[in-house]
Amino acid sequence: MSSPLVVQQKKLANLSIVLGSLYISAAAIFLFGVFAAASVRRLLTALSHSQIHYATMQKRLALIRIFALLSVVAAVIVIASGFLRTIVHFMLKVTTLYSGVVNFGFD
């Protein structure tokens, strides 16, 4: 039978994986924003030389609109991750402290 400490450590490991995936998804959204900004920069350069079609301009500006909506999603992800970290910290505080005591031999 598993001890309560082992069960708590497994919960902590699973929650760490969840938090990592949330932060990676937020980073992916921001990388998409960098791509969209680079695309618009090329658009503005081509626009100054009058070598761009209206359809191309609409496609590239659509990337910025998508990023604007996704940035709200990314902000919610980051805020939710912060709340989740705080909740996990207080719920599993005893486990974290006890594992430090066991690892350093203060048992």
Protein backbone atom coordinates (compact mmCIF):
# COMPACT_ATOMS: atom_id res chain seq x y z
CA MET A 1 0.00 0.00 0.00
CA SER A 2 1.28 3.49 -0.88
CA SER A 3 1.97 5.95 1.83
CA PRO A 4 0.11 9.28 1.79
CA LEU A 5 3.38 11.02 1.01
CA VAL A 6 3.87 9.02 -2.20
CA VAL A 7 0.30 9.74 -3.28
CA GLN A 8 0.79 13.46 -2.64
CA GLN A 9 4.06 13.44 -4.60
CA LYS A 10 2.32 11.80 -7.56
CA LYS A 11 -0.37 14.50 -7.44
CA LEU A 12 2.34 17.14 -7.37
CA ALA A 13 4.07 15.55 -10.37
CA ASN A 14 0.82 15.44 -12.35
CA LEU A 15 0.01 19.04 -11.52
CA SER A 16 3.51 20.09 -12.57
CA ILE A 17 2.93 18.45 -15.95
CA VAL A 18 -0.38 20.30 -16.30
CA LEU A 19 1.23 23.62 -15.41
CA GLY A 20 4.07 22.99 -17.86
CA SER A 21 1.65 22.27 -20.69
CA LEU A 22 -0.34 25.41 -19.89
CA TYR A 23 2.80 27.56 -19.97
CA ILE A 24 3.94 25.93 -23.23
CA SER A 25 0.57 26.67 -24.84
CA ALA A 26 0.83 30.32 -23.76
CA ALA A 27 4.37 30.48 -25.17
CA ALA A 28 3.14 29.01 -28.47
CA ILE A 29 0.50 31.74 -28.70
CA PHE A 30 3.13 34.42 -28.16
CA LEU A 31 5.41 32.84 -30.77
CA PHE A 32 2.49 33.01 -33.18
CA GLY A 33 2.30 36.72 -32.34
CA VAL A 34 5.96 37.18 -33.25
CA PHE A 35 5.30 35.44 -36.58
CA ALA A 36 2.25 37.64 -37.20
CA ALA A 37 4.20 40.81 -36.39
CA ALA A 38 7.00 39.80 -38.76
CA SER A 39 4.44 39.14 -41.45
CA VAL A 40 2.87 42.57 -41.02
CA ARG A 41 6.29 44.20 -41.11
CA ARG A 42 6.84 42.63 -44.53
CA LEU A 43 3.37 43.84 -45.48
CA LEU A 44 4.19 47.43 -44.55
CA THR A 45 7.48 47.29 -46.44
CA ALA A 46 5.73 46.01 -49.56
CA LEU A 47 2.93 48.54 -49.10
CA SER A 48 5.41 51.40 -49.22
CA HIS A 49 6.55 50.14 -52.62
CA SER A 50 2.90 49.65 -53.78
CA GLN A 51 3.57 46.03 -54.69
CA ILE A 52 0.82 44.34 -52.71
CA HIS A 53 -2.62 43.06 -53.53
CA TYR A 54 -5.65 43.67 -51.36
CA ALA A 55 -6.22 39.93 -50.76
CA THR A 56 -2.67 39.48 -49.47
CA MET A 57 -3.09 42.43 -47.15
CA GLN A 58 -6.33 40.96 -45.74
CA LYS A 59 -4.68 37.56 -45.09
CA ARG A 60 -1.80 39.09 -43.19
CA LEU A 61 -4.01 41.40 -41.17
CA ALA A 62 -6.15 38.38 -40.29
CA LEU A 63 -3.10 36.94 -38.51
CA ILE A 64 -2.99 40.02 -36.30
CA ARG A 65 -6.70 39.72 -35.53
CA ILE A 66 -6.26 36.06 -34.60
CA PHE A 67 -3.34 36.93 -32.35
CA ALA A 68 -5.36 39.67 -30.66
CA LEU A 69 -8.00 37.12 -29.69
CA LEU A 70 -5.45 34.46 -28.74
CA SER A 71 -3.57 36.90 -26.53
CA VAL A 72 -6.67 37.16 -24.34
CA VAL A 73 -6.72 33.36 -24.14
CA ALA A 74 -3.01 33.34 -23.24
CA ALA A 75 -3.58 35.91 -20.51
CA VAL A 76 -6.36 33.77 -19.02
CA ILE A 77 -4.09 30.70 -19.20
CA VAL A 78 -1.29 32.48 -17.35
CA ILE A 79 -3.63 33.87 -14.69
CA ALA A 80 -5.27 30.46 -14.19
CA SER A 81 -1.84 28.86 -13.90
CA GLY A 82 -0.90 31.34 -11.19
CA PHE A 83 -4.05 30.53 -9.25
CA LEU A 84 -3.44 26.81 -9.70
CA ARG A 85 0.13 27.15 -8.41
CA THR A 86 -1.10 29.02 -5.35
CA ILE A 87 -3.80 26.47 -4.60
CA VAL A 88 -1.39 23.56 -5.05
CA HIS A 89 1.19 25.27 -2.86
CA PHE A 90 -1.16 25.49 0.08
CA MET A 91 -2.81 22.11 -0.48
CA LEU A 92 0.45 20.19 -0.74
CA LYS A 93 2.57 22.33 1.56
CA VAL A 94 3.06 19.56 4.12
CA THR A 95 4.22 17.14 1.42
CA THR A 96 6.74 19.61 0.07
CA LEU A 97 8.13 20.39 3.51
CA TYR A 98 8.26 16.73 4.54
CA SER A 99 10.04 15.67 1.35
CA GLY A 100 12.70 18.31 2.06
CA VAL A 101 13.13 16.97 5.58
CA VAL A 102 13.48 13.39 4.33
CA ASN A 103 15.89 14.34 1.53
CA PHE A 104 18.21 16.24 3.84
CA GLY A 105 18.16 13.61 6.60
CA PHE A 106 16.38 15.62 9.27
CA ASP A 107 13.93 12.79 9.85
